[in-house]
Protein backbone atom coordinates (compact mmCIF):
# COMPACT_ATOMS: atom_id res chain seq x y z
CA MET A 1 1.49 3.06 -11.46
CA ALA A 2 4.38 5.54 -11.43
CA GLN A 3 3.14 6.97 -8.11
CA ARG A 4 3.17 3.45 -6.57
CA MET A 5 6.77 2.96 -7.79
CA VAL A 6 7.72 6.24 -6.11
CA TYR A 7 6.34 4.89 -2.83
CA PHE A 8 8.20 1.58 -3.25
CA THR A 9 11.47 3.36 -4.12
CA VAL A 10 11.40 5.72 -1.12
CA ALA A 11 10.37 2.98 1.21
CA SER A 12 13.20 0.73 0.06
CA MET A 13 15.73 3.50 0.35
CA VAL A 14 14.66 4.29 4.02
CA LEU A 15 14.61 0.56 4.81
CA LEU A 16 18.10 0.19 3.35
CA GLY A 17 19.29 3.06 5.56
CA ILE A 18 17.78 1.29 8.57
CA ILE A 19 19.44 -1.95 7.72
CA LEU A 20 22.85 -0.32 7.11
CA THR A 21 22.66 1.65 10.33
CA GLY A 22 21.58 -1.37 12.39
CA TYR A 23 18.24 -2.39 13.81
CA ASN A 24 19.30 -1.75 17.42
CA LYS A 25 20.46 1.81 16.75
CA VAL A 26 17.48 3.10 14.78
CA SER A 27 14.44 4.61 16.39
CA TRP A 28 11.08 2.92 15.88
CA VAL A 29 9.75 6.15 14.39
CA LEU A 30 11.64 5.46 11.15
CA TYR A 31 9.52 2.33 10.56
CA ILE A 32 6.31 4.37 10.28
CA PRO A 33 7.03 5.99 6.88
CA VAL A 34 8.32 2.69 5.52
CA ALA A 35 5.13 0.86 6.53
CA SER A 36 2.84 3.61 5.26
CA MET A 37 4.65 3.87 1.91
CA LEU A 38 4.64 0.13 1.42
CA PHE A 39 0.90 0.09 2.19
CA ALA A 40 0.37 2.96 -0.33
CA GLY A 41 2.39 1.19 -2.94
CA ILE A 42 0.51 -2.10 -2.58
CA THR A 43 -2.98 -0.72 -2.25
CA GLY A 44 -2.76 2.58 -4.11
CA LYS A 45 -4.31 4.44 -1.16
CA CYS A 46 -2.07 6.97 0.55
CA HIS A 47 -3.43 7.76 4.01
CA GLY A 48 -1.04 10.66 4.46
CA LEU A 49 -2.45 12.33 1.34
CA ALA A 50 -5.99 11.77 2.62
CA VAL A 51 -5.17 13.43 5.86
CA TRP A 52 -3.71 16.53 4.17
CA ARG A 53 -6.77 16.74 1.88
CA LYS A 54 -9.11 16.65 4.89
CA LEU A 55 -7.07 19.48 6.43
CA GLY A 56 -7.91 21.64 3.43
CA PHE A 57 -4.84 21.34 1.24
CA LYS A 58 -5.72 21.05 -2.49
CA ASP A 59 -4.16 18.85 -5.14
CA GLY A 60 -2.51 20.56 -8.04
CA PRO A 61 0.22 23.07 -8.74
CA SER A 62 1.33 25.46 -6.06
CA SER A 63 0.05 29.02 -6.17
CA CYS A 64 3.44 30.35 -7.40
CA CYS A 65 3.29 28.07 -10.45
CA SER A 66 -0.32 28.67 -11.46
CA LYS A 67 -1.13 31.04 -14.29
């Protein structure tokens, strides 16, 4: 549940920045992370994380932090 709230928080902050800047001044590219994070927050499935896992990146602590 905490991970979903992180997605909602970041998406709302980016969306607030888009609103404050103005819809006509912001590139359409900034809507992609907002839509993907809202989807991840609602469904619990993060497609970005799935892509990085398929590319071979592992979940867990980084190599500098492992014992």
